[in-house]
Amino acid sequence: MANYIVSSNDPGKMGGSKAKEDIIKFASEDGFIPFRINPYHTNKLAKLLYVKFNLRTFFKSKPIDNVIMQYPIPSEYIVGKFVSMLKMKIRGKFTIWIHDIQGLQSSEPRILKWEIALFNQADILIVHNPKMKSWLVQKGVTSKMVVLGIFDYDNPQPIQPKISYAKTVCFAGNLFKSGFIKKWNPNSQVFVFGPNMPQEHHKSIIPAGQFSPEELTSHLKQNFGLIWDGPSAVTCQGTFGKYLLYNNPHKTSLYISSGIPIIIWDQAALADFVREHRIGLVVANLNDLDNLLASTTPDEYQVLKDNTVKMAEKLRTGYYTHQVIRRVLHSESHLIKDDMQ
């Protein structure tokens, strides 16, 4: 049996690629062979030659049983050609593992139409959470779907030890999409990591530097990690804020794998996961955060901390990746009936 995990050959090592690299690692432990597609070409002729000569080598003289393709791969042309060739060769299941849905973040209807057509060519879709699954069904996806739950995170740094409850918060990300930082006036200390830090911000919001995903976790010393996006501190809005209604931000897994409980917008898709596993707090309005932190006792915080450390151990070993791959490979069994349409 030859199973493959197909991913784009990302030229950089930004945080956005770490989720895919971690899945490659954990899927390899389940016997999946990595194959990388290079979607970056200077012109149409270069793409044509890549498909004709390089991409075709994947299909020559080798059996292909099951394939998991990590999406997105940033070339509609190359993805389309790869999938059409794969459908003629594959003997098992073709699964698309969704990281991002471009049509959820774009006002151009053509993009979502193309994505839905692509998703419907898969035997199985791996989706972030039940809300993403429901949204895809509403948009016309008919492929079977498996809910991941949360992204695993291969974290090389030690789990944060027990610390005193000082009501501190950290926030990590590319800050160009986090305009709320300029409008939020917390009393609690908020340490902000990442590029494009706004020059205007409250004195309690402290710029803390920019680090690689591998280094960043060693600098997170705070009590909570914040999940919030968009231009407003009152609610998550705008393209990036509303994306939280359906998306599992990878930074959530960064915080949890570090042993840091979560603070998340109460309408975010991942808020249900945070509540269910008691690994953090939910908040509707960031202006209410100081009161929420003040009303949380040290003993209550310790319960959240202990639960988060247990979850961190799962994420570091690829628990959710291994679980979802097992469901994909045994999709006719009882393991998957509750997740699939």
C-alpha atoms as a PDB file:
ATOM      1  CA  MET A   1       0.000   0.000   0.000  1.00  0.00           C
ATOM      2  CA  ALA A   2       1.316   3.450  -0.977  1.00  0.00           C
ATOM      3  CA  ASN A   3      -0.325   6.395   0.787  1.00  0.00           C
ATOM      4  CA  TYR A   4       0.767   9.969   0.071  1.00  0.00           C
ATOM      5  CA  ILE A   5       0.505  13.328   1.819  1.00  0.00           C
ATOM      6  CA  VAL A   6       0.673  16.019  -0.891  1.00  0.00           C
ATOM      7  CA  SER A   7       1.576  19.608  -0.022  1.00  0.00           C
ATOM      8  CA  SER A   8       2.832  22.753  -1.689  1.00  0.00           C
ATOM      9  CA  ASN A   9       6.561  23.362  -1.683  1.00  0.00           C
ATOM     10  CA  ASP A  10       6.466  26.537   0.372  1.00  0.00           C
ATOM     11  CA  PRO A  11       9.530  28.706  -0.268  1.00  0.00           C
ATOM     12  CA  GLY A  12       9.399  30.360   3.149  1.00  0.00           C
ATOM     13  CA  LYS A  13       9.136  29.262   6.777  1.00  0.00           C
ATOM     14  CA  MET A  14       6.452  31.641   7.966  1.00  0.00           C
ATOM     15  CA  GLY A  15       3.889  30.576  10.556  1.00  0.00           C
ATOM     16  CA  GLY A  16       1.373  29.763   7.869  1.00  0.00           C
ATOM     17  CA  SER A  17       3.422  26.826   6.640  1.00  0.00           C
ATOM     18  CA  LYS A  18       4.072  25.233  10.036  1.00  0.00           C
ATOM     19  CA  ALA A  19       0.622  23.637  10.210  1.00  0.00           C
ATOM     20  CA  LYS A  20       1.283  21.786   6.956  1.00  0.00           C
ATOM     21  CA  GLU A  21       4.779  20.750   8.017  1.00  0.00           C
ATOM     22  CA  ASP A  22       3.477  19.346  11.296  1.00  0.00           C
ATOM     23  CA  ILE A  23       0.815  17.347   9.469  1.00  0.00           C
ATOM     24  CA  ILE A  24       3.474  15.954   7.121  1.00  0.00           C
ATOM     25  CA  LYS A  25       5.479  14.826  10.146  1.00  0.00           C
ATOM     26  CA  PHE A  26       2.561  13.175  11.936  1.00  0.00           C
ATOM     27  CA  ALA A  27       1.124  11.639   8.745  1.00  0.00           C
ATOM     28  CA  SER A  28       4.554  10.165   7.994  1.00  0.00           C
ATOM     29  CA  GLU A  29       4.337   8.374  11.338  1.00  0.00           C
ATOM     30  CA  ASP A  30       1.177   6.739   9.957  1.00  0.00           C
ATOM     31  CA  GLY A  31       3.023   5.569   6.849  1.00  0.00           C
ATOM     32  CA  PHE A  32       2.164   8.424   4.469  1.00  0.00           C
ATOM     33  CA  ILE A  33       4.866   9.386   1.964  1.00  0.00           C
ATOM     34  CA  PRO A  34       5.394  13.145   1.516  1.00  0.00           C
ATOM     35  CA  PHE A  35       5.143  14.579  -1.997  1.00  0.00           C
ATOM     36  CA  ARG A  36       5.578  18.284  -2.648  1.00  0.00           C
ATOM     37  CA  ILE A  37       4.098  20.290  -5.490  1.00  0.00           C
ATOM     38  CA  ASN A  38       5.850  23.463  -6.599  1.00  0.00           C
ATOM     39  CA  PRO A  39       3.095  25.958  -7.511  1.00  0.00           C
ATOM     40  CA  TYR A  40       5.407  28.944  -7.925  1.00  0.00           C
ATOM     41  CA  HIS A  41       6.280  29.636 -11.556  1.00  0.00           C
ATOM     42  CA  THR A  42       7.006  32.862 -13.391  1.00  0.00           C
ATOM     43  CA  ASN A  43       4.612  32.391 -16.320  1.00  0.00           C
ATOM     44  CA  LYS A  44       2.063  30.094 -17.974  1.00  0.00           C
ATOM     45  CA  LEU A  45       4.675  28.304 -20.051  1.00  0.00           C
ATOM     46  CA  ALA A  46       6.669  27.416 -16.946  1.00  0.00           C
ATOM     47  CA  LYS A  47       3.508  26.004 -15.329  1.00  0.00           C
ATOM     48  CA  LEU A  48       2.732  23.993 -18.462  1.00  0.00           C
ATOM     49  CA  LEU A  49       6.232  22.513 -18.569  1.00  0.00           C
ATOM     50  CA  TYR A  50       6.101  21.728 -14.838  1.00  0.00           C
ATOM     51  CA  VAL A  51       2.841  19.812 -15.263  1.00  0.00           C
ATOM     52  CA  LYS A  52       4.027  17.999 -18.393  1.00  0.00           C
ATOM     53  CA  PHE A  53       7.399  16.878 -17.069  1.00  0.00           C
ATOM     54  CA  ASN A  54       7.731  17.270 -13.285  1.00  0.00           C
ATOM     55  CA  LEU A  55       4.233  16.607 -12.039  1.00  0.00           C
ATOM     56  CA  ARG A  56       3.722  13.562 -14.227  1.00  0.00           C
ATOM     57  CA  THR A  57       6.621  11.809 -12.526  1.00  0.00           C
ATOM     58  CA  PHE A  58       4.374  11.335  -9.487  1.00  0.00           C
ATOM     59  CA  PHE A  59       2.100   9.074 -11.513  1.00  0.00           C
ATOM     60  CA  LYS A  60       4.705   6.955 -13.292  1.00  0.00           C
ATOM     61  CA  SER A  61       5.303   3.324 -12.299  1.00  0.00           C
ATOM     62  CA  LYS A  62       4.043   3.504  -8.742  1.00  0.00           C
ATOM     63  CA  PRO A  63       0.809   2.359  -7.118  1.00  0.00           C
ATOM     64  CA  ILE A  64      -1.260   5.087  -5.470  1.00  0.00           C
ATOM     65  CA  ASP A  65      -3.671   3.914  -2.807  1.00  0.00           C
ATOM     66  CA  ASN A  66      -4.758   6.881  -0.665  1.00  0.00           C
ATOM     67  CA  VAL A  67      -3.840  10.543  -1.082  1.00  0.00           C
ATOM     68  CA  ILE A  68      -4.331  13.412   1.345  1.00  0.00           C
ATOM     69  CA  MET A  69      -3.797  16.798  -0.318  1.00  0.00           C
ATOM     70  CA  GLN A  70      -3.239  19.776   1.954  1.00  0.00           C
ATOM     71  CA  TYR A  71      -5.196  22.748   0.608  1.00  0.00           C
ATOM     72  CA  PRO A  72      -4.622  25.489  -0.427  1.00  0.00           C
ATOM     73  CA  ILE A  73      -1.917  24.994  -3.023  1.00  0.00           C
ATOM     74  CA  PRO A  74      -1.611  28.418  -4.685  1.00  0.00           C
ATOM     75  CA  SER A  75      -2.146  27.522  -8.348  1.00  0.00           C
ATOM     76  CA  GLU A  76      -5.602  26.636  -9.653  1.00  0.00           C
ATOM     77  CA  TYR A  77      -4.083  25.362 -12.900  1.00  0.00           C
ATOM     78  CA  ILE A  78      -1.586  22.986 -11.260  1.00  0.00           C
ATOM     79  CA  VAL A  79      -4.098  21.763  -8.669  1.00  0.00           C
ATOM     80  CA  GLY A  80      -6.670  21.099 -11.383  1.00  0.00           C
ATOM     81  CA  LYS A  81      -4.212  19.129 -13.503  1.00  0.00           C
ATOM     82  CA  PHE A  82      -2.937  17.158 -10.518  1.00  0.00           C
ATOM     83  CA  VAL A  83      -6.438  16.179  -9.384  1.00  0.00           C
ATOM     84  CA  SER A  84      -7.579  15.145 -12.867  1.00  0.00           C
ATOM     85  CA  MET A  85      -4.518  12.906 -13.279  1.00  0.00           C
ATOM     86  CA  LEU A  86      -4.896  11.550  -9.760  1.00  0.00           C
ATOM     87  CA  LYS A  87      -8.532  10.555 -10.261  1.00  0.00           C
ATOM     88  CA  MET A  88      -7.465   8.265 -13.123  1.00  0.00           C
ATOM     89  CA  LYS A  89      -4.698   6.611 -11.096  1.00  0.00           C
ATOM     90  CA  ILE A  90      -5.780   6.413  -7.453  1.00  0.00           C
ATOM     91  CA  ARG A  91      -7.022   3.084  -6.074  1.00  0.00           C
ATOM     92  CA  GLY A  92      -8.227   4.281  -2.683  1.00  0.00           C
ATOM     93  CA  LYS A  93      -9.559   7.562  -1.288  1.00  0.00           C
ATOM     94  CA  PHE A  94      -8.701  11.102  -2.350  1.00  0.00           C
ATOM     95  CA  THR A  95      -8.898  13.393   0.689  1.00  0.00           C
ATOM     96  CA  ILE A  96      -8.513  17.159   0.808  1.00  0.00           C
ATOM     97  CA  TRP A  97      -7.293  18.535   4.134  1.00  0.00           C
ATOM     98  CA  ILE A  98      -8.564  22.110   4.311  1.00  0.00           C
ATOM     99  CA  HIS A  99      -6.337  24.693   5.968  1.00  0.00           C
ATOM    100  CA  ASP A 100      -7.947  27.803   4.502  1.00  0.00           C
ATOM    101  CA  ILE A 101     -10.952  28.519   2.313  1.00  0.00           C
ATOM    102  CA  GLN A 102     -10.070  31.402   0.026  1.00  0.00           C
ATOM    103  CA  GLY A 103     -13.721  32.015  -0.854  1.00  0.00           C
ATOM    104  CA  LEU A 104     -14.473  32.796   2.782  1.00  0.00           C
ATOM    105  CA  GLN A 105     -11.954  35.628   2.680  1.00  0.00           C
ATOM    106  CA  SER A 106     -12.635  36.980  -0.816  1.00  0.00           C
ATOM    107  CA  SER A 107     -15.480  39.031  -2.277  1.00  0.00           C
ATOM    108  CA  GLU A 108     -14.916  37.428  -5.698  1.00  0.00           C
ATOM    109  CA  PRO A 109     -17.609  34.725  -6.236  1.00  0.00           C
ATOM    110  CA  ARG A 110     -15.498  32.905  -8.825  1.00  0.00           C
ATOM    111  CA  ILE A 111     -12.975  31.817  -6.204  1.00  0.00           C
ATOM    112  CA  LEU A 112     -15.548  30.124  -3.970  1.00  0.00           C
ATOM    113  CA  LYS A 113     -17.225  28.512  -6.995  1.00  0.00           C
ATOM    114  CA  TRP A 114     -13.891  27.001  -8.042  1.00  0.00           C
ATOM    115  CA  GLU A 115     -13.163  25.782  -4.508  1.00  0.00           C
ATOM    116  CA  ILE A 116     -16.573  24.131  -4.106  1.00  0.00           C
ATOM    117  CA  ALA A 117     -16.064  22.311  -7.419  1.00  0.00           C
ATOM    118  CA  LEU A 118     -12.628  21.162  -6.229  1.00  0.00           C
ATOM    119  CA  PHE A 119     -13.922  20.011  -2.838  1.00  0.00           C
ATOM    120  CA  ASN A 120     -16.654  17.984  -4.543  1.00  0.00           C
ATOM    121  CA  GLN A 121     -14.018  16.011  -6.425  1.00  0.00           C
ATOM    122  CA  ALA A 122     -12.687  14.644  -3.130  1.00  0.00           C
ATOM    123  CA  ASP A 123     -13.944  11.463  -1.529  1.00  0.00           C
ATOM    124  CA  ILE A 124     -13.451  13.033   1.891  1.00  0.00           C
ATOM    125  CA  LEU A 125     -12.802  16.532   3.223  1.00  0.00           C
ATOM    126  CA  ILE A 126     -11.033  17.148   6.513  1.00  0.00           C
ATOM    127  CA  VAL A 127     -12.589  20.321   7.944  1.00  0.00           C
ATOM    128  CA  HIS A 128     -11.712  22.325  11.033  1.00  0.00           C
ATOM    129  CA  ASN A 129     -14.915  22.195  13.061  1.00  0.00           C
ATOM    130  CA  PRO A 130     -18.689  21.590  12.830  1.00  0.00           C
ATOM    131  CA  LYS A 131     -19.373  25.213  11.862  1.00  0.00           C
ATOM    132  CA  MET A 132     -17.063  25.017   8.863  1.00  0.00           C
ATOM    133  CA  LYS A 133     -18.717  21.743   7.894  1.00  0.00           C
ATOM    134  CA  SER A 134     -22.211  23.274   8.053  1.00  0.00           C
ATOM    135  CA  TRP A 135     -21.123  26.300   6.025  1.00  0.00           C
ATOM    136  CA  LEU A 136     -19.671  24.092   3.297  1.00  0.00           C
ATOM    137  CA  VAL A 137     -22.879  22.046   3.119  1.00  0.00           C
ATOM    138  CA  GLN A 138     -24.872  25.275   2.721  1.00  0.00           C
ATOM    139  CA  LYS A 139     -22.572  26.309  -0.130  1.00  0.00           C
ATOM    140  CA  GLY A 140     -23.114  23.079  -2.035  1.00  0.00           C
ATOM    141  CA  VAL A 141     -20.378  20.696  -0.901  1.00  0.00           C
ATOM    142  CA  THR A 142     -21.563  17.097  -1.223  1.00  0.00           C
ATOM    143  CA  SER A 143     -18.357  15.228  -0.364  1.00  0.00           C
ATOM    144  CA  LYS A 144     -18.173  13.397   2.936  1.00  0.00           C
ATOM    145  CA  MET A 145     -16.553  15.402   5.714  1.00  0.00           C
ATOM    146  CA  VAL A 146     -14.520  14.593   8.802  1.00  0.00           C
ATOM    147  CA  VAL A 147     -14.160  17.160  11.595  1.00  0.00           C
ATOM    148  CA  LEU A 148     -10.582  17.604  12.842  1.00  0.00           C
ATOM    149  CA  GLY A 149     -11.310  19.366  16.137  1.00  0.00           C
ATOM    150  CA  ILE A 150      -8.043  21.292  16.463  1.00  0.00           C
ATOM    151  CA  PHE A 151      -4.659  21.403  14.744  1.00  0.00           C
ATOM    152  CA  ASP A 152      -1.798  19.577  16.391  1.00  0.00           C
ATOM    153  CA  TYR A 153       1.415  21.504  17.029  1.00  0.00           C
ATOM    154  CA  ASP A 154       4.923  20.044  17.107  1.00  0.00           C
ATOM    155  CA  ASN A 155       6.426  22.242  19.800  1.00  0.00           C
ATOM    156  CA  PRO A 156      10.164  21.890  20.505  1.00  0.00           C
ATOM    157  CA  GLN A 157      10.060  24.063  23.631  1.00  0.00           C
ATOM    158  CA  PRO A 158       9.232  22.849  27.149  1.00  0.00           C
ATOM    159  CA  ILE A 159       5.636  23.251  28.294  1.00  0.00           C
ATOM    160  CA  GLN A 160       5.220  26.401  30.358  1.00  0.00           C
ATOM    161  CA  PRO A 161       5.576  25.505  34.060  1.00  0.00           C
ATOM    162  CA  LYS A 162       3.136  26.560  36.738  1.00  0.00           C
ATOM    163  CA  ILE A 163       3.187  30.330  37.129  1.00  0.00           C
ATOM    164  CA  SER A 164       1.413  32.726  39.450  1.00  0.00           C
ATOM    165  CA  TYR A 165      -1.836  34.201  38.217  1.00  0.00           C
ATOM    166  CA  ALA A 166      -0.952  37.784  37.255  1.00  0.00           C
ATOM    167  CA  LYS A 167      -3.807  38.288  34.745  1.00  0.00           C
ATOM    168  CA  THR A 168      -1.338  38.702  31.856  1.00  0.00           C
ATOM    169  CA  VAL A 169      -2.176  38.028  28.200  1.00  0.00           C
ATOM    170  CA  CYS A 170      -0.134  37.387  25.068  1.00  0.00           C
ATOM    171  CA  PHE A 171      -1.170  37.862  21.448  1.00  0.00           C
ATOM    172  CA  ALA A 172       0.805  36.559  18.467  1.00  0.00           C
ATOM    173  CA  GLY A 173       0.278  37.034  14.744  1.00  0.00           C
ATOM    174  CA  ASN A 174       0.842  39.179  11.693  1.00  0.00           C
ATOM    175  CA  LEU A 175      -0.473  42.393  13.180  1.00  0.00           C
ATOM    176  CA  PHE A 176      -1.506  44.071   9.928  1.00  0.00           C
ATOM    177  CA  LYS A 177      -4.882  42.336  10.314  1.00  0.00           C
ATOM    178  CA  SER A 178      -5.230  43.157  14.022  1.00  0.00           C
ATOM    179  CA  GLY A 179      -6.387  46.761  13.979  1.00  0.00           C
ATOM    180  CA  PHE A 180      -8.157  46.271  17.309  1.00  0.00           C
ATOM    181  CA  ILE A 181      -4.771  46.788  18.992  1.00  0.00           C
ATOM    182  CA  LYS A 182      -4.986  50.514  18.210  1.00  0.00           C
ATOM    183  CA  LYS A 183      -8.454  50.851  19.789  1.00  0.00           C
ATOM    184  CA  TRP A 184      -8.173  48.659  22.890  1.00  0.00           C
ATOM    185  CA  ASN A 185      -7.334  50.190  26.273  1.00  0.00           C
ATOM    186  CA  PRO A 186      -6.862  47.311  28.732  1.00  0.00           C
ATOM    187  CA  ASN A 187      -5.640  47.656  32.285  1.00  0.00           C
ATOM    188  CA  SER A 188      -4.142  44.177  32.172  1.00  0.00           C
ATOM    189  CA  GLN A 189      -0.752  43.749  30.533  1.00  0.00           C
ATOM    190  CA  VAL A 190      -0.960  42.407  26.962  1.00  0.00           C
ATOM    191  CA  PHE A 191       2.311  41.288  25.324  1.00  0.00           C
ATOM    192  CA  VAL A 192       2.109  41.406  21.530  1.00  0.00           C
ATOM    193  CA  PHE A 193       4.368  39.338  19.251  1.00  0.00           C
ATOM    194  CA  GLY A 194       4.691  39.701  15.494  1.00  0.00           C
ATOM    195  CA  PRO A 195       5.425  42.007  12.566  1.00  0.00           C
ATOM    196  CA  ASN A 196       3.599  45.241  11.682  1.00  0.00           C
ATOM    197  CA  MET A 197       3.026  46.392  15.252  1.00  0.00           C
ATOM    198  CA  PRO A 198       0.899  49.587  15.192  1.00  0.00           C
ATOM    199  CA  GLN A 199       2.778  52.629  16.469  1.00  0.00           C
ATOM    200  CA  GLU A 200      -0.326  53.839  18.291  1.00  0.00           C
ATOM    201  CA  HIS A 201      -1.422  51.626  21.179  1.00  0.00           C
ATOM    202  CA  HIS A 202      -2.272  51.788  24.877  1.00  0.00           C
ATOM    203  CA  LYS A 203       0.593  51.674  27.376  1.00  0.00           C
ATOM    204  CA  SER A 204      -0.610  48.301  28.715  1.00  0.00           C
ATOM    205  CA  ILE A 205      -0.124  46.768  25.250  1.00  0.00           C
ATOM    206  CA  ILE A 206       3.565  45.887  25.117  1.00  0.00           C
ATOM    207  CA  PRO A 207       5.449  45.112  21.875  1.00  0.00           C
ATOM    208  CA  ALA A 208       7.380  41.906  22.587  1.00  0.00           C
ATOM    209  CA  GLY A 209       9.241  41.182  19.361  1.00  0.00           C
ATOM    210  CA  GLN A 210       9.041  38.926  16.322  1.00  0.00           C
ATOM    211  CA  PHE A 211      10.201  35.307  16.330  1.00  0.00           C
ATOM    212  CA  SER A 212       9.979  32.189  14.179  1.00  0.00           C
ATOM    213  CA  PRO A 213       7.251  29.659  15.109  1.00  0.00           C
ATOM    214  CA  GLU A 214       9.940  27.406  16.616  1.00  0.00           C
ATOM    215  CA  GLU A 215      11.395  30.209  18.756  1.00  0.00           C
ATOM    216  CA  LEU A 216       8.202  32.040  19.674  1.00  0.00           C
ATOM    217  CA  THR A 217       6.899  29.544  22.194  1.00  0.00           C
ATOM    218  CA  SER A 218       9.969  29.994  24.422  1.00  0.00           C
ATOM    219  CA  HIS A 219       9.041  33.691  24.800  1.00  0.00           C
ATOM    220  CA  LEU A 220       5.426  33.166  25.858  1.00  0.00           C
ATOM    221  CA  LYS A 221       5.388  33.618  29.630  1.00  0.00           C
ATOM    222  CA  GLN A 222       1.863  34.963  30.129  1.00  0.00           C
ATOM    223  CA  ASN A 223      -1.269  33.481  31.727  1.00  0.00           C
ATOM    224  CA  PHE A 224      -3.475  33.491  28.626  1.00  0.00           C
ATOM    225  CA  GLY A 225      -3.147  33.545  24.847  1.00  0.00           C
ATOM    226  CA  LEU A 226      -5.643  35.732  22.986  1.00  0.00           C
ATOM    227  CA  ILE A 227      -7.579  34.738  19.837  1.00  0.00           C
ATOM    228  CA  TRP A 228      -9.092  37.872  18.262  1.00  0.00           C
ATOM    229  CA  ASP A 229      -8.920  39.595  14.897  1.00  0.00           C
ATOM    230  CA  GLY A 230     -10.256  42.520  12.912  1.00  0.00           C
ATOM    231  CA  PRO A 231     -10.381  46.291  13.372  1.00  0.00           C
ATOM    232  CA  SER A 232     -12.602  46.414  16.471  1.00  0.00           C
ATOM    233  CA  ALA A 233     -12.157  45.592  20.155  1.00  0.00           C
ATOM    234  CA  VAL A 234     -15.939  45.429  20.603  1.00  0.00           C
ATOM    235  CA  THR A 235     -16.425  42.356  18.430  1.00  0.00           C
ATOM    236  CA  CYS A 236     -14.559  40.438  15.729  1.00  0.00           C
ATOM    237  CA  GLN A 237     -15.554  41.987  12.417  1.00  0.00           C
ATOM    238  CA  GLY A 238     -14.237  42.595   8.936  1.00  0.00           C
ATOM    239  CA  THR A 239     -12.821  39.882   6.680  1.00  0.00           C
ATOM    240  CA  PHE A 240     -10.317  38.564   9.214  1.00  0.00           C
ATOM    241  CA  GLY A 241     -12.561  38.880  12.251  1.00  0.00           C
ATOM    242  CA  LYS A 242     -15.518  37.094  10.643  1.00  0.00           C
ATOM    243  CA  TYR A 243     -13.222  34.317   9.438  1.00  0.00           C
ATOM    244  CA  LEU A 244     -13.046  33.216  13.093  1.00  0.00           C
ATOM    245  CA  LEU A 245     -16.692  32.122  12.775  1.00  0.00           C
ATOM    246  CA  TYR A 246     -15.488  29.131  10.740  1.00  0.00           C
ATOM    247  CA  ASN A 247     -11.712  28.846  11.017  1.00  0.00           C
ATOM    248  CA  ASN A 248      -9.385  27.178  13.553  1.00  0.00           C
ATOM    249  CA  PRO A 249      -6.528  29.689  13.920  1.00  0.00           C
ATOM    250  CA  HIS A 250      -3.214  27.856  14.127  1.00  0.00           C
ATOM    251  CA  LYS A 251      -2.048  30.239  16.861  1.00  0.00           C
ATOM    252  CA  THR A 252      -4.622  28.590  19.151  1.00  0.00           C
ATOM    253  CA  SER A 253      -2.594  25.396  18.914  1.00  0.00           C
ATOM    254  CA  LEU A 254       0.619  27.361  19.459  1.00  0.00           C
ATOM    255  CA  TYR A 255      -0.717  28.697  22.763  1.00  0.00           C
ATOM    256  CA  ILE A 256      -2.186  25.388  23.920  1.00  0.00           C
ATOM    257  CA  SER A 257       0.895  23.351  23.017  1.00  0.00           C
ATOM    258  CA  SER A 258       2.879  25.798  25.160  1.00  0.00           C
ATOM    259  CA  GLY A 259       0.588  25.098  28.115  1.00  0.00           C
ATOM    260  CA  ILE A 260      -1.112  28.505  27.908  1.00  0.00           C
ATOM    261  CA  PRO A 261      -4.925  28.689  28.350  1.00  0.00           C
ATOM    262  CA  ILE A 262      -6.975  30.531  25.730  1.00  0.00           C
ATOM    263  CA  ILE A 263      -9.089  33.681  25.674  1.00  0.00           C
ATOM    264  CA  ILE A 264     -11.274  33.655  22.579  1.00  0.00           C
ATOM    265  CA  TRP A 265     -14.187  35.555  21.023  1.00  0.00           C
ATOM    266  CA  ASP A 266     -17.370  33.863  22.205  1.00  0.00           C
ATOM    267  CA  GLN A 267     -18.736  33.567  18.636  1.00  0.00           C
ATOM    268  CA  ALA A 268     -15.590  31.963  17.204  1.00  0.00           C
ATOM    269  CA  ALA A 269     -15.924  28.414  15.912  1.00  0.00           C
ATOM    270  CA  LEU A 270     -13.236  27.241  18.330  1.00  0.00           C
ATOM    271  CA  ALA A 271     -15.009  28.744  21.353  1.00  0.00           C
ATOM    272  CA  ASP A 272     -17.042  25.533  21.690  1.00  0.00           C
ATOM    273  CA  PHE A 273     -13.828  23.484  21.849  1.00  0.00           C
ATOM    274  CA  VAL A 274     -12.397  25.799  24.516  1.00  0.00           C
ATOM    275  CA  ARG A 275     -15.566  25.516  26.603  1.00  0.00           C
ATOM    276  CA  GLU A 276     -15.884  21.752  26.198  1.00  0.00           C
ATOM    277  CA  HIS A 277     -12.325  21.015  27.292  1.00  0.00           C
ATOM    278  CA  ARG A 278     -12.179  23.823  29.876  1.00  0.00           C
ATOM    279  CA  ILE A 279      -8.915  25.204  28.505  1.00  0.00           C
ATOM    280  CA  GLY A 280      -9.705  28.906  28.634  1.00  0.00           C
ATOM    281  CA  LEU A 281     -12.235  31.730  28.744  1.00  0.00           C
ATOM    282  CA  VAL A 282     -14.611  33.201  26.171  1.00  0.00           C
ATOM    283  CA  VAL A 283     -15.411  36.887  25.854  1.00  0.00           C
ATOM    284  CA  ALA A 284     -17.832  38.843  23.678  1.00  0.00           C
ATOM    285  CA  ASN A 285     -16.101  42.224  23.948  1.00  0.00           C
ATOM    286  CA  LEU A 286     -12.420  42.863  24.701  1.00  0.00           C
ATOM    287  CA  ASN A 287     -13.437  45.836  26.809  1.00  0.00           C
ATOM    288  CA  ASP A 288     -14.904  43.312  29.254  1.00  0.00           C
ATOM    289  CA  LEU A 289     -11.656  41.357  29.521  1.00  0.00           C
ATOM    290  CA  ASP A 290     -10.288  43.160  32.593  1.00  0.00           C
ATOM    291  CA  ASN A 291     -13.412  42.261  34.581  1.00  0.00           C
ATOM    292  CA  LEU A 292     -13.295  38.678  33.323  1.00  0.00           C
ATOM    293  CA  LEU A 293      -9.676  38.277  34.412  1.00  0.00           C
ATOM    294  CA  ALA A 294     -10.393  39.906  37.774  1.00  0.00           C
ATOM    295  CA  SER A 295     -13.332  37.573  38.428  1.00  0.00           C
ATOM    296  CA  THR A 296     -11.250  34.489  37.659  1.00  0.00           C
ATOM    297  CA  THR A 297      -9.664  33.183  40.863  1.00  0.00           C
ATOM    298  CA  PRO A 298      -6.170  31.660  41.061  1.00  0.00           C
ATOM    299  CA  ASP A 299      -7.751  28.257  41.778  1.00  0.00           C
ATOM    300  CA  GLU A 300     -10.041  28.549  38.756  1.00  0.00           C
ATOM    301  CA  TYR A 301      -7.084  29.562  36.625  1.00  0.00           C
ATOM    302  CA  GLN A 302      -5.134  26.519  37.817  1.00  0.00           C
ATOM    303  CA  VAL A 303      -7.904  24.209  36.618  1.00  0.00           C
ATOM    304  CA  LEU A 304      -7.727  25.811  33.165  1.00  0.00           C
ATOM    305  CA  LYS A 305      -3.933  25.550  33.255  1.00  0.00           C
ATOM    306  CA  ASP A 306      -3.947  21.860  34.206  1.00  0.00           C
ATOM    307  CA  ASN A 307      -6.449  21.035  31.459  1.00  0.00           C
ATOM    308  CA  THR A 308      -4.393  22.980  28.929  1.00  0.00           C
ATOM    309  CA  VAL A 309      -1.209  21.106  29.845  1.00  0.00           C
ATOM    310  CA  LYS A 310      -3.014  17.809  29.260  1.00  0.00           C
ATOM    311  CA  MET A 311      -4.201  19.067  25.884  1.00  0.00           C
ATOM    312  CA  ALA A 312      -0.674  20.302  25.080  1.00  0.00           C
ATOM    313  CA  GLU A 313       0.653  16.785  25.472  1.00  0.00           C
ATOM    314  CA  LYS A 314      -1.900  15.557  22.938  1.00  0.00           C
ATOM    315  CA  LEU A 315      -1.111  18.256  20.375  1.00  0.00           C
ATOM    316  CA  ARG A 316       2.624  17.645  20.630  1.00  0.00           C
ATOM    317  CA  THR A 317       2.212  13.968  19.726  1.00  0.00           C
ATOM    318  CA  GLY A 318      -0.153  14.507  16.798  1.00  0.00           C
ATOM    319  CA  TYR A 319      -3.200  13.070  18.548  1.00  0.00           C
ATOM    320  CA  TYR A 320      -5.820  14.769  16.355  1.00  0.00           C
ATOM    321  CA  THR A 321      -3.885  14.160  13.131  1.00  0.00           C
ATOM    322  CA  HIS A 322      -3.593  10.436  13.871  1.00  0.00           C
ATOM    323  CA  GLN A 323      -7.268  10.250  14.824  1.00  0.00           C
ATOM    324  CA  VAL A 324      -8.511  11.920  11.651  1.00  0.00           C
ATOM    325  CA  ILE A 325      -6.232   9.843   9.407  1.00  0.00           C
ATOM    326  CA  ARG A 326      -7.591   6.691  11.014  1.00  0.00           C
ATOM    327  CA  ARG A 327     -11.124   7.899  10.296  1.00  0.00           C
ATOM    328  CA  VAL A 328     -10.236   8.655   6.684  1.00  0.00           C
ATOM    329  CA  LEU A 329      -8.694   5.253   6.098  1.00  0.00           C
ATOM    330  CA  HIS A 330     -11.634   3.467   7.747  1.00  0.00           C
ATOM    331  CA  SER A 331     -14.396   5.760   6.538  1.00  0.00           C
ATOM    332  CA  GLU A 332     -16.947   2.978   6.181  1.00  0.00           C
ATOM    333  CA  SER A 333     -16.702   2.053   9.855  1.00  0.00           C
ATOM    334  CA  HIS A 334     -18.453   3.356  12.946  1.00  0.00           C
ATOM    335  CA  LEU A 335     -15.432   5.585  13.636  1.00  0.00           C
ATOM    336  CA  ILE A 336     -16.656   8.159  11.172  1.00  0.00           C
ATOM    337  CA  LYS A 337     -20.437   7.947  10.981  1.00  0.00           C
ATOM    338  CA  ASP A 338     -21.031  10.840  13.357  1.00  0.00           C
ATOM    339  CA  ASP A 339     -18.766  13.186  11.392  1.00  0.00           C
ATOM    340  CA  MET A 340     -19.846  12.412   7.857  1.00  0.00           C
ATOM    341  CA  GLN A 341     -22.876  13.518   5.905  1.00  0.00           C
END
